[in-house]
Amino acid sequence: MSASNLIVKVFKHNDVNNLRQLLEEATTNDKKTPENRRFIIIEGVYANYGDIAPLKEIVELKEKYKFRYVS
C-alpha cells in the first residue's frame, strides 16, 4: 500500500491468465463503491521488447470484472 492508499499488483508480461487471477483476487469479497476505483494500466506496445499487448483479451477482462482501462 502506498501513501495514497493504492494497492498495485503487476501481472506477468503479456500473461492474460495471470492478469485474470489478479482480477479475481481483487474482486473476491470486495464491494465496488465510487471510492473503490479499479484500473488496469498497460503499455499498448512494450518499449523494451516491441511486443504488442493482447488488447482484445485485456478489454474483455476489464469488462467482465468492471475495471477501468488505461493504455
Foldseek 3Di string as FASTA:
>chain_A
DDPVPDDDDDAPDLDLVSVLVVLCVVQVVDDDDPVDAAEDEDDQQDPVPRDGHPVVSVVVSCVVSVHHYHD
